[in-house]
Protein backbone atom coordinates (compact mmCIF):
# COMPACT_ATOMS: atom_id res chain seq x y z
CA MET A 1 -103.06 -88.31 -120.30
CA MET A 2 -101.41 -91.29 -121.94
CA ILE A 3 -100.91 -94.54 -120.05
CA ALA A 4 -97.95 -96.68 -121.17
CA TYR A 5 -98.04 -100.48 -121.04
CA ALA A 6 -95.15 -102.92 -121.65
CA SER A 7 -95.04 -106.66 -122.02
CA ARG A 8 -93.79 -108.60 -119.07
CA THR A 9 -90.06 -108.64 -118.52
CA GLY A 10 -88.25 -111.11 -116.37
CA THR A 11 -85.59 -108.89 -114.96
CA ARG A 12 -86.07 -107.00 -111.69
CA ARG A 13 -84.01 -104.05 -112.96
CA ASN A 14 -86.36 -103.58 -115.93
CA LEU A 15 -89.44 -104.01 -113.75
CA ASP A 16 -88.16 -101.43 -111.34
CA ALA A 17 -87.48 -99.02 -114.22
CA LEU A 18 -91.02 -99.51 -115.59
CA ARG A 19 -92.52 -98.98 -112.16
CA ALA A 20 -90.40 -95.78 -111.67
CA ALA A 21 -91.62 -94.42 -114.98
CA GLY A 22 -95.23 -95.13 -114.11
CA TRP A 23 -95.74 -97.87 -116.74
CA ARG A 24 -98.17 -100.71 -116.47
CA LEU A 25 -97.92 -104.28 -117.65
CA MET A 26 -99.70 -105.89 -120.65
CA ALA A 27 -100.56 -109.46 -119.82
CA SER A 28 -101.72 -112.11 -122.31
CA THR A 29 -103.25 -115.58 -122.32
CA ARG A 30 -99.92 -117.00 -123.25
CA GLY A 31 -97.39 -117.43 -120.50
CA VAL A 32 -97.79 -116.93 -116.76
CA LEU A 33 -99.69 -113.95 -115.37
CA ARG A 34 -97.27 -112.42 -112.92
CA THR A 35 -98.17 -108.79 -112.21
CA LYS A 36 -96.41 -108.41 -108.81
CA GLY A 37 -98.57 -105.54 -107.67
CA TYR A 38 -98.48 -103.67 -110.98
CA ARG A 39 -101.59 -102.21 -112.61
CA TYR A 40 -102.08 -104.20 -115.84
CA ALA A 41 -104.17 -104.83 -118.89
CA LEU A 42 -105.28 -108.08 -120.41
CA ASP A 43 -104.59 -108.66 -124.10
CA ASN A 44 -106.56 -111.37 -125.97
CA GLY A 45 -103.41 -112.20 -128.00
CA ALA A 46 -105.22 -112.04 -131.38
CA TRP A 47 -102.55 -109.93 -133.02
CA THR A 48 -99.37 -111.00 -131.27
CA SER A 49 -100.08 -114.70 -130.80
CA SER A 50 -102.81 -116.00 -133.09
CA PHE A 51 -102.51 -113.97 -136.26
CA PRO A 52 -98.73 -114.38 -136.91
CA ARG A 53 -99.06 -118.18 -136.43
CA SER A 54 -102.23 -118.48 -138.52
CA GLU A 55 -104.00 -119.98 -135.44
CA PRO A 56 -107.52 -119.31 -134.36
CA LEU A 57 -108.06 -116.85 -131.49
CA HIS A 58 -107.98 -118.64 -128.14
CA ALA A 59 -111.12 -116.95 -126.97
CA ALA A 60 -111.91 -119.48 -124.26
CA ALA A 61 -108.46 -119.00 -122.62
CA PHE A 62 -108.90 -115.26 -122.68
CA GLU A 63 -112.43 -115.54 -121.21
CA ARG A 64 -111.13 -117.75 -118.44
CA LEU A 65 -108.31 -115.30 -117.65
CA ALA A 66 -110.63 -112.34 -117.73
CA SER A 67 -113.12 -114.05 -115.41
CA ARG A 68 -110.36 -114.86 -112.94
CA LYS A 69 -108.37 -111.61 -113.06
CA GLY A 70 -110.69 -109.17 -114.79
CA HIS A 71 -111.72 -107.40 -111.55
CA THR A 72 -108.12 -106.19 -111.07
CA MET A 73 -107.20 -105.06 -114.58
CA THR A 74 -107.12 -101.49 -115.77
CA LEU A 75 -107.77 -102.15 -119.47
CA ASN A 76 -109.18 -104.99 -121.52
CA CYS A 77 -108.11 -105.45 -125.18
CA LEU A 78 -111.09 -107.04 -126.82
CA ARG A 79 -111.18 -109.28 -129.88
CA SER A 80 -109.42 -107.88 -132.87
CA ARG A 81 -110.72 -108.22 -136.40
CA PRO A 82 -108.50 -108.20 -139.53
């Protein structure tokens, strides 16, 4: 079985469509974690946030988020290496 994840969208219509299709949310250390009852995964942001900007990985931010919300997530995207 494949489980589909999508980045957070701000529109109720899109969130309703994701829920109806059985998708989950992919949350990151950047932005606000609003899961609204969805099952979700935590992404460390290495590829989408740090790498394109040539910034170091914000490991401490990810660790804080995982320690606060890790008990409710369904998947954890660990540190990526180039």
